[in-house]
């Protein structure tokens, strides 16, 4: 991706600053996500198109894992979409490479709603806003309460990894449903924060403590009969909610972010979805929990009508707040807006979303290359699960590859 983004820089056209130039122009939009998110985006496109008849707006969706390679290819080919969805893992890559248009002026002019406090600070890159955050979210472990209730097990709000293993064993012995131990990038961030270290700068500096601890836990968990088998995970992309094994009861738990609870409930066919803090490493010295901007909408620096693009982003923000988390966009950072948004929701959703307001810190966007180590990380955790590599054997191999991808 580094080569693709670098190549794209030489091909970018200068951006126009005039909304009036939108007449007779086209605005392309690209995002990833579920059908629920697509519904929110398509509704916003329709409403915006209806009020701007001289502007042609087109949208396209993709899955998370294919989205980023496609976007890098489009950047290299100087065919970036005008408006694009961005994530905390990737936005710094595109911003510092000159592929995104700064949005601060559109907040100051009132085209975009005001943004302040921790959410604004967490969204800034070198003091500038390159993506408008739709809301906030926190990492969680979801679980199917039908299974845990049948097993007579109560899931605590917080548990150590050892306690999680004990609970997983109990559930399996009583009802025969195994559990999933997460091996993805979000969990690596969680482990690093539990040790009080930066998840990515630590890798650059050669500090492998978080990686080693996570790999050893995956190895130990995978050796147990209460662990989801690698055969059950074959062909599943654990970064996509509808492929998480909890949705077909291959496991009783899954991992994601709080704003996805309604999505998981839909896929699992039940409102009986519980949530807890992901298992905390036994040797934790700090609270690993954090909040983050859920998703950003950005304007590419090649967009000819950036003011119109910013106005469209404001439209999505309104649609998202109105239909809120049906679109996975996140929770309003403002508590008043949050209270108004959830007022008509089912009780279990109101309770879950209220957990967002716990004063969790918001880290800045991650280092360049952070998102690009995910495929490498998952490859090694899969090899640990199959026994092809031990946890310790995988550490050095992963560290070497990850160092070549990350950039301070």
Protein backbone atom coordinates (compact mmCIF):
# COMPACT_ATOMS: atom_id res chain seq x y z
CA UNK A 1 0.00 0.00 0.00
CA UNK A 2 2.91 2.35 0.73
CA UNK A 3 4.00 2.16 -2.92
CA UNK A 4 0.44 2.60 -4.18
CA UNK A 5 -0.18 5.70 -2.07
CA UNK A 6 3.17 7.21 -3.00
CA UNK A 7 2.46 6.69 -6.68
CA UNK A 8 -1.00 8.21 -6.30
CA UNK A 9 0.40 11.46 -4.93
CA UNK A 10 2.00 12.34 -8.26
CA UNK A 11 -1.32 11.94 -10.02
CA UNK A 12 -3.68 13.95 -7.81
CA UNK A 13 -5.47 16.95 -9.32
CA UNK A 14 -5.91 20.23 -7.48
CA UNK A 15 -9.20 20.49 -5.56
CA UNK A 16 -11.77 23.23 -6.17
CA UNK A 17 -13.04 25.23 -3.20
CA UNK A 18 -16.35 26.40 -4.62
CA UNK A 19 -19.68 24.69 -3.83
CA UNK A 20 -21.30 26.50 -6.74
CA UNK A 21 -19.20 24.45 -9.13
CA UNK A 22 -21.26 21.42 -8.10
CA UNK A 23 -23.88 22.24 -10.73
CA UNK A 24 -23.65 19.70 -13.53
CA UNK A 25 -20.98 17.76 -11.66
CA UNK A 26 -20.76 14.26 -10.26
CA UNK A 27 -20.05 13.12 -6.71
CA UNK A 28 -18.91 9.54 -6.10
CA UNK A 29 -19.13 7.87 -2.68
CA UNK A 30 -17.43 4.69 -1.47
CA UNK A 31 -17.90 2.86 1.84
CA UNK A 32 -17.64 -0.56 3.46
CA UNK A 33 -20.04 -2.32 5.78
CA UNK A 34 -23.29 -4.16 6.21
CA UNK A 35 -26.63 -3.79 4.47
CA UNK A 36 -27.71 -1.58 7.38
CA UNK A 37 -24.91 0.86 6.75
CA UNK A 38 -25.66 0.75 3.03
CA UNK A 39 -29.27 1.69 3.78
CA UNK A 40 -28.16 4.76 5.70
CA UNK A 41 -25.73 5.79 2.98
CA UNK A 42 -28.23 5.23 0.18
CA UNK A 43 -30.91 7.19 2.04
CA UNK A 44 -28.46 10.07 2.46
CA UNK A 45 -27.56 9.93 -1.23
CA UNK A 46 -31.24 9.99 -2.21
CA UNK A 47 -32.08 12.93 0.05
CA UNK A 48 -29.02 14.90 -1.02
CA UNK A 49 -29.67 14.17 -4.68
CA UNK A 50 -33.27 15.32 -4.28
CA UNK A 51 -32.18 18.73 -3.03
CA UNK A 52 -29.36 19.07 -5.55
CA UNK A 53 -30.87 18.14 -8.90
CA UNK A 54 -27.89 19.42 -10.89
CA UNK A 55 -25.50 17.13 -9.03
CA UNK A 56 -25.24 13.43 -9.90
CA UNK A 57 -24.41 11.35 -6.80
CA UNK A 58 -23.40 7.70 -7.08
CA UNK A 59 -22.47 5.29 -4.29
CA UNK A 60 -20.83 1.90 -3.96
CA UNK A 61 -20.26 -0.47 -1.03
CA UNK A 62 -17.62 -3.09 -0.30
CA UNK A 63 -16.65 -5.50 2.47
CA UNK A 64 -14.02 -4.40 4.98
CA UNK A 65 -11.28 -6.75 3.81
CA UNK A 66 -11.65 -5.90 0.12
CA UNK A 67 -12.28 -2.19 0.68
CA UNK A 68 -8.71 -1.20 1.50
CA UNK A 69 -6.95 -2.97 -1.40
CA UNK A 70 -9.54 -1.51 -3.78
CA UNK A 71 -9.05 1.96 -2.34
CA UNK A 72 -5.26 1.71 -2.60
CA UNK A 73 -5.58 0.62 -6.22
CA UNK A 74 -7.87 3.53 -6.97
CA UNK A 75 -5.45 5.92 -5.29
CA UNK A 76 -2.61 4.60 -7.43
CA UNK A 77 -4.76 5.01 -10.54
CA UNK A 78 -5.78 8.58 -9.67
CA UNK A 79 -9.41 7.49 -9.46
CA UNK A 80 -10.19 8.12 -5.82
CA UNK A 81 -13.88 8.50 -4.93
CA UNK A 82 -14.91 12.01 -3.94
CA UNK A 83 -16.28 10.93 -0.56
CA UNK A 84 -14.97 7.88 1.22
CA UNK A 85 -15.36 6.11 4.52
CA UNK A 86 -12.22 6.08 6.68
CA UNK A 87 -11.17 4.17 9.79
CA UNK A 88 -8.94 4.99 12.77
CA UNK A 89 -6.39 2.44 11.53
CA UNK A 90 -6.01 3.89 8.03
CA UNK A 91 -6.83 7.58 8.02
CA UNK A 92 -3.32 8.77 8.91
CA UNK A 93 -1.89 6.88 5.91
CA UNK A 94 -4.14 8.72 3.50
CA UNK A 95 -3.95 12.09 5.24
CA UNK A 96 -0.15 12.37 5.40
CA UNK A 97 0.11 11.12 1.82
CA UNK A 98 -1.91 14.11 0.64
CA UNK A 99 -4.88 12.05 -0.53
CA UNK A 100 -7.47 13.68 1.74
CA UNK A 101 -8.84 17.22 1.73
CA UNK A 102 -8.74 19.10 5.09
CA UNK A 103 -12.23 19.69 6.46
CA UNK A 104 -11.58 22.32 9.13
CA UNK A 105 -12.76 25.17 6.90
CA UNK A 106 -16.12 23.49 6.34
CA UNK A 107 -16.68 23.18 10.09
CA UNK A 108 -15.75 26.84 10.54
CA UNK A 109 -18.08 27.92 7.73
CA UNK A 110 -20.99 25.91 9.13
CA UNK A 111 -21.29 23.40 6.27
CA UNK A 112 -20.31 20.67 8.74
CA UNK A 113 -21.74 20.61 12.28
CA UNK A 114 -19.49 21.93 15.08
CA UNK A 115 -17.02 19.43 16.50
CA UNK A 116 -15.23 19.75 19.81
CA UNK A 117 -13.93 18.02 22.92
CA UNK A 118 -12.23 14.61 22.99
CA UNK A 119 -13.82 13.53 19.70
CA UNK A 120 -12.28 16.48 17.88
CA UNK A 121 -8.90 15.88 19.51
CA UNK A 122 -8.98 12.17 18.65
CA UNK A 123 -9.83 12.96 15.03
CA UNK A 124 -7.06 15.50 14.42
CA UNK A 125 -3.92 14.62 12.48
CA UNK A 126 -1.14 17.19 12.85
CA UNK A 127 -3.78 19.62 14.06
CA UNK A 128 -6.08 19.22 11.07
CA UNK A 129 -9.34 17.39 10.45
CA UNK A 130 -9.15 14.99 7.51
CA UNK A 131 -12.20 12.91 8.38
CA UNK A 132 -15.49 13.92 9.97
CA UNK A 133 -16.37 11.43 12.74
CA UNK A 134 -19.89 10.05 12.64
CA UNK A 135 -19.83 9.06 16.33
CA UNK A 136 -17.96 7.07 18.95
CA UNK A 137 -17.73 3.41 19.95
CA UNK A 138 -15.85 1.06 22.29
CA UNK A 139 -14.47 -2.50 21.88
CA UNK A 140 -16.55 -5.26 23.46
CA UNK A 141 -17.02 -9.01 23.58
CA UNK A 142 -20.56 -9.99 22.59
CA UNK A 143 -22.19 -13.19 23.82
CA UNK A 144 -25.41 -15.08 23.20
CA UNK A 145 -27.32 -14.95 26.48
CA UNK A 146 -29.47 -17.91 25.44
CA UNK A 147 -26.36 -20.09 25.61
CA UNK A 148 -24.85 -18.65 28.79
CA UNK A 149 -28.25 -18.71 30.55
CA UNK A 150 -28.74 -22.35 29.54
CA UNK A 151 -25.31 -23.09 31.00
CA UNK A 152 -26.19 -21.26 34.21
CA UNK A 153 -23.26 -18.89 33.72
CA UNK A 154 -23.26 -15.17 34.37
CA UNK A 155 -20.73 -13.23 32.33
CA UNK A 156 -19.04 -10.53 34.42
CA UNK A 157 -18.62 -7.04 33.03
CA UNK A 158 -14.86 -7.53 33.27
CA UNK A 159 -12.80 -10.70 33.48
CA UNK A 160 -9.20 -11.76 33.17
CA UNK A 161 -8.14 -14.11 30.42
CA UNK A 162 -7.85 -16.96 32.96
CA UNK A 163 -11.39 -16.29 34.15
CA UNK A 164 -12.58 -16.27 30.55
CA UNK A 165 -11.01 -19.70 30.03
CA UNK A 166 -12.77 -21.06 33.11
CA UNK A 167 -16.11 -19.68 31.91
CA UNK A 168 -15.55 -21.07 28.41
CA UNK A 169 -14.84 -24.50 29.88
CA UNK A 170 -17.98 -24.40 32.03
CA UNK A 171 -20.22 -23.38 29.14
CA UNK A 172 -18.76 -26.08 26.91
CA UNK A 173 -19.10 -28.82 29.54
CA UNK A 174 -22.72 -27.91 30.26
CA UNK A 175 -24.16 -27.11 26.82
CA UNK A 176 -21.46 -28.11 24.32
CA UNK A 177 -20.98 -24.72 22.65
CA UNK A 178 -17.33 -23.65 22.26
CA UNK A 179 -15.87 -20.16 22.60
CA UNK A 180 -13.76 -17.93 20.38
CA UNK A 181 -10.47 -16.35 21.42
CA UNK A 182 -9.90 -13.24 19.35
CA UNK A 183 -6.71 -13.05 17.31
CA UNK A 184 -7.27 -9.83 15.41
CA UNK A 185 -5.78 -6.37 15.35
CA UNK A 186 -8.24 -4.91 17.85
CA UNK A 187 -7.13 -7.47 20.40
CA UNK A 188 -3.47 -6.62 19.87
CA UNK A 189 -4.32 -2.98 20.61
CA UNK A 190 -6.16 -4.17 23.72
CA UNK A 191 -3.19 -6.22 24.96
CA UNK A 192 -0.74 -3.39 24.39
CA UNK A 193 -2.92 -0.91 26.24
CA UNK A 194 -3.21 -3.41 29.11
CA UNK A 195 0.58 -3.27 29.38
CA UNK A 196 0.62 0.52 29.18
CA UNK A 197 2.46 0.63 25.85
CA UNK A 198 1.64 1.97 22.40
CA UNK A 199 0.43 -0.98 20.27
CA UNK A 200 2.37 0.04 17.17
CA UNK A 201 5.29 2.17 18.30
CA UNK A 202 6.24 -0.69 20.63
CA UNK A 203 6.62 -2.96 17.58
CA UNK A 204 8.81 -0.41 15.80
CA UNK A 205 10.96 -0.17 18.93
CA UNK A 206 11.26 -3.97 19.19
CA UNK A 207 9.10 -4.34 22.31
CA UNK A 208 7.30 -7.67 21.72
CA UNK A 209 5.60 -8.03 25.11
CA UNK A 210 2.05 -7.46 23.89
CA UNK A 211 2.49 -9.67 20.83
CA UNK A 212 4.09 -12.46 22.85
CA UNK A 213 1.39 -12.36 25.54
CA UNK A 214 -1.40 -12.40 22.97
CA UNK A 215 0.15 -15.23 20.93
CA UNK A 216 0.71 -17.36 24.04
CA UNK A 217 -2.89 -16.87 25.14
CA UNK A 218 -4.17 -17.85 21.69
CA UNK A 219 -1.94 -20.93 21.72
CA UNK A 220 -3.13 -22.02 25.16
CA UNK A 221 -6.79 -21.38 24.39
CA UNK A 222 -6.63 -23.16 21.04
CA UNK A 223 -5.36 -26.33 22.71
CA UNK A 224 -8.56 -26.70 24.75
CA UNK A 225 -11.62 -28.65 23.70
CA UNK A 226 -13.81 -25.62 24.46
CA UNK A 227 -12.09 -23.58 21.73
CA UNK A 228 -13.76 -23.15 18.35
CA UNK A 229 -12.01 -25.53 16.00
CA UNK A 230 -9.95 -24.19 13.14
CA UNK A 231 -12.17 -26.23 10.80
CA UNK A 232 -15.21 -24.27 12.00
CA UNK A 233 -13.40 -21.02 11.24
CA UNK A 234 -12.27 -22.10 7.77
CA UNK A 235 -13.43 -19.67 5.13
CA UNK A 236 -14.75 -17.16 7.67
CA UNK A 237 -13.52 -13.59 7.82
CA UNK A 238 -13.58 -12.67 11.50
CA UNK A 239 -13.46 -8.95 10.67
CA UNK A 240 -16.96 -9.19 9.17
CA UNK A 241 -19.86 -9.40 11.69
CA UNK A 242 -22.05 -11.76 9.68
CA UNK A 243 -19.19 -14.28 9.47
CA UNK A 244 -18.47 -14.32 13.20
CA UNK A 245 -19.14 -17.85 14.50
CA UNK A 246 -21.58 -16.55 17.10
CA UNK A 247 -24.09 -15.83 14.35
CA UNK A 248 -24.53 -19.56 13.66
CA UNK A 249 -23.78 -20.78 17.21
CA UNK A 250 -20.42 -22.20 16.19
CA UNK A 251 -19.39 -20.21 19.27
CA UNK A 252 -21.30 -18.40 21.99
CA UNK A 253 -19.21 -15.23 21.80
CA UNK A 254 -17.77 -12.76 19.28
CA UNK A 255 -15.73 -9.56 19.23
CA UNK A 256 -16.41 -6.15 17.81
CA UNK A 257 -17.50 -2.67 18.81
CA UNK A 258 -20.52 -1.61 20.83
CA UNK A 259 -22.25 0.10 17.92
CA UNK A 260 -22.49 -3.31 16.21
CA UNK A 261 -24.70 -4.93 18.85
CA UNK A 262 -27.89 -4.51 16.83
CA UNK A 263 -26.12 -5.96 13.78
CA UNK A 264 -25.04 -9.04 15.74
CA UNK A 265 -28.54 -9.40 17.16
CA UNK A 266 -29.94 -9.34 13.64
CA UNK A 267 -27.51 -11.94 12.32
CA UNK A 268 -27.97 -14.20 15.35
CA UNK A 269 -31.75 -13.85 15.15
CA UNK A 270 -32.18 -12.83 18.79
CA UNK A 271 -32.28 -9.75 21.00
CA UNK A 272 -30.60 -11.78 23.74
CA UNK A 273 -27.12 -10.43 23.03
CA UNK A 274 -24.96 -9.53 26.01
CA UNK A 275 -21.72 -7.61 26.07
CA UNK A 276 -18.67 -7.29 28.28
CA UNK A 277 -15.18 -5.82 28.25
CA UNK A 278 -12.98 -8.17 26.17
CA UNK A 279 -10.93 -10.53 28.38
CA UNK A 280 -8.13 -8.54 30.01
CA UNK A 281 -4.65 -10.13 30.07
CA UNK A 282 -3.76 -11.63 33.43
CA UNK A 283 -0.63 -9.47 33.69
CA UNK A 284 -2.39 -6.20 32.87
CA UNK A 285 -0.98 -3.11 34.56
CA UNK A 286 -3.38 -0.58 33.00
CA UNK A 287 -7.01 -0.34 31.96
CA UNK A 288 -7.03 -1.29 28.26
CA UNK A 289 -10.48 0.10 27.49
CA UNK A 290 -10.76 3.04 25.15
CA UNK A 291 -13.27 4.83 22.97
CA UNK A 292 -12.64 5.77 19.37
CA UNK A 293 -14.34 7.57 16.52
CA UNK A 294 -16.47 4.86 14.97
CA UNK A 295 -15.98 5.81 11.33
CA UNK A 296 -14.99 8.95 9.46
CA UNK A 297 -16.24 10.36 6.20
CA UNK A 298 -13.48 12.05 4.24
CA UNK A 299 -13.15 14.04 1.02
CA UNK A 300 -10.40 13.06 -1.39
CA UNK A 301 -7.94 15.76 -2.40
CA UNK A 302 -8.80 15.02 -6.05
CA UNK A 303 -12.45 16.00 -5.54
CA UNK A 304 -13.41 18.91 -7.82
CA UNK A 305 -16.28 20.03 -5.58
CA UNK A 306 -15.06 19.57 -1.98
CA UNK A 307 -17.65 21.95 -0.50
CA UNK A 308 -20.44 19.87 -2.03
CA UNK A 309 -18.73 16.74 -0.70
CA UNK A 310 -18.62 18.30 2.77
CA UNK A 311 -22.32 19.14 2.52
CA UNK A 312 -23.03 15.51 1.64
CA UNK A 313 -21.06 14.39 4.72
CA UNK A 314 -23.26 16.67 6.82
CA UNK A 315 -26.28 14.94 5.26
CA UNK A 316 -24.97 11.51 6.28
CA UNK A 317 -24.31 12.77 9.81
CA UNK A 318 -27.95 13.84 10.05
CA UNK A 319 -29.24 10.56 8.60
CA UNK A 320 -27.01 8.57 10.91
CA UNK A 321 -28.16 10.46 13.98
CA UNK A 322 -31.81 10.06 12.99
CA UNK A 323 -31.62 6.32 12.36
CA UNK A 324 -28.58 6.07 14.58
CA UNK A 325 -26.92 2.73 14.97
CA UNK A 326 -28.90 0.84 12.39
CA UNK A 327 -26.11 2.11 10.16
CA UNK A 328 -23.20 1.12 12.42
CA UNK A 329 -22.09 4.74 12.36
CA UNK A 330 -21.50 5.07 16.09
CA UNK A 331 -23.03 6.92 19.00
CA UNK A 332 -23.31 10.70 19.18
CA UNK A 333 -20.45 12.04 21.27
CA UNK A 334 -22.82 14.59 22.80
CA UNK A 335 -24.81 13.08 25.68
CA UNK A 336 -27.92 15.15 24.92
CA UNK A 337 -27.98 14.01 21.30
CA UNK A 338 -27.40 10.48 22.54
CA UNK A 339 -30.37 10.61 24.92
CA UNK A 340 -32.66 11.88 22.18
CA UNK A 341 -31.43 9.30 19.69
CA UNK A 342 -31.97 6.22 21.86
CA UNK A 343 -35.25 7.29 23.44
CA UNK A 344 -37.38 5.07 21.20
CA UNK A 345 -35.07 2.08 21.11
CA UNK A 346 -35.60 -1.29 22.82
CA UNK A 347 -34.43 -1.41 26.42
CA UNK A 348 -31.52 -3.75 25.77
CA UNK A 349 -30.11 -1.33 23.21
CA UNK A 350 -30.53 1.67 25.50
CA UNK A 351 -28.68 -0.17 28.27
CA UNK A 352 -25.88 -1.25 25.97
CA UNK A 353 -25.36 2.15 24.43
CA UNK A 354 -25.32 3.80 27.85
CA UNK A 355 -22.12 1.87 28.55
CA UNK A 356 -20.44 4.15 26.05
CA UNK A 357 -20.46 7.05 28.47
CA UNK A 358 -17.90 5.75 30.94
CA UNK A 359 -15.14 8.30 30.44
CA UNK A 360 -12.91 6.02 28.37
CA UNK A 361 -9.95 7.82 26.76
CA UNK A 362 -9.79 8.37 23.00
CA UNK A 363 -6.40 7.71 21.38
CA UNK A 364 -5.27 9.65 18.32
CA UNK A 365 -5.43 7.91 14.92
CA UNK A 366 -2.96 5.04 14.85
CA UNK A 367 0.45 5.09 13.17
CA UNK A 368 0.86 4.87 9.42
CA UNK A 369 0.65 1.28 8.30
CA UNK A 370 -1.33 0.18 11.37
CA UNK A 371 -4.23 -1.21 9.36
CA UNK A 372 -1.89 -2.96 6.95
CA UNK A 373 -0.51 -5.36 9.56
CA UNK A 374 -3.93 -6.94 10.12
CA UNK A 375 -3.61 -9.54 7.37
CA UNK A 376 -0.12 -10.47 8.62
CA UNK A 377 -1.34 -10.75 12.20
CA UNK A 378 -4.33 -12.93 11.33
CA UNK A 379 -2.10 -15.16 9.22
CA UNK A 380 0.14 -15.87 12.20
CA UNK A 381 -2.71 -16.34 14.67
CA UNK A 382 -4.24 -18.88 12.27
CA UNK A 383 -0.93 -20.77 12.16
CA UNK A 384 -0.85 -20.76 15.95
CA UNK A 385 -4.39 -22.14 16.07
CA UNK A 386 -3.49 -24.99 13.72
CA UNK A 387 -0.28 -25.79 15.57
CA UNK A 388 1.87 -24.94 12.58
CA UNK A 389 3.75 -22.47 14.79
CA UNK A 390 4.00 -22.07 18.53
CA UNK A 391 3.13 -18.71 19.98
CA UNK A 392 6.76 -17.94 20.72
CA UNK A 393 7.89 -19.03 17.25
CA UNK A 394 5.38 -16.70 15.65
CA UNK A 395 6.49 -13.65 17.63
CA UNK A 396 9.80 -12.94 15.89
CA UNK A 397 8.36 -13.67 12.45
CA UNK A 398 5.46 -11.31 13.00
CA UNK A 399 7.62 -8.58 14.56
CA UNK A 400 9.96 -8.60 11.55
CA UNK A 401 7.12 -8.29 9.05
CA UNK A 402 5.21 -5.71 11.05
CA UNK A 403 8.29 -3.48 11.45
CA UNK A 404 8.58 -3.33 7.69
CA UNK A 405 5.01 -2.10 7.37
CA UNK A 406 4.66 0.41 10.22
CA UNK A 407 5.95 3.97 9.89
CA UNK A 408 6.39 6.38 12.83
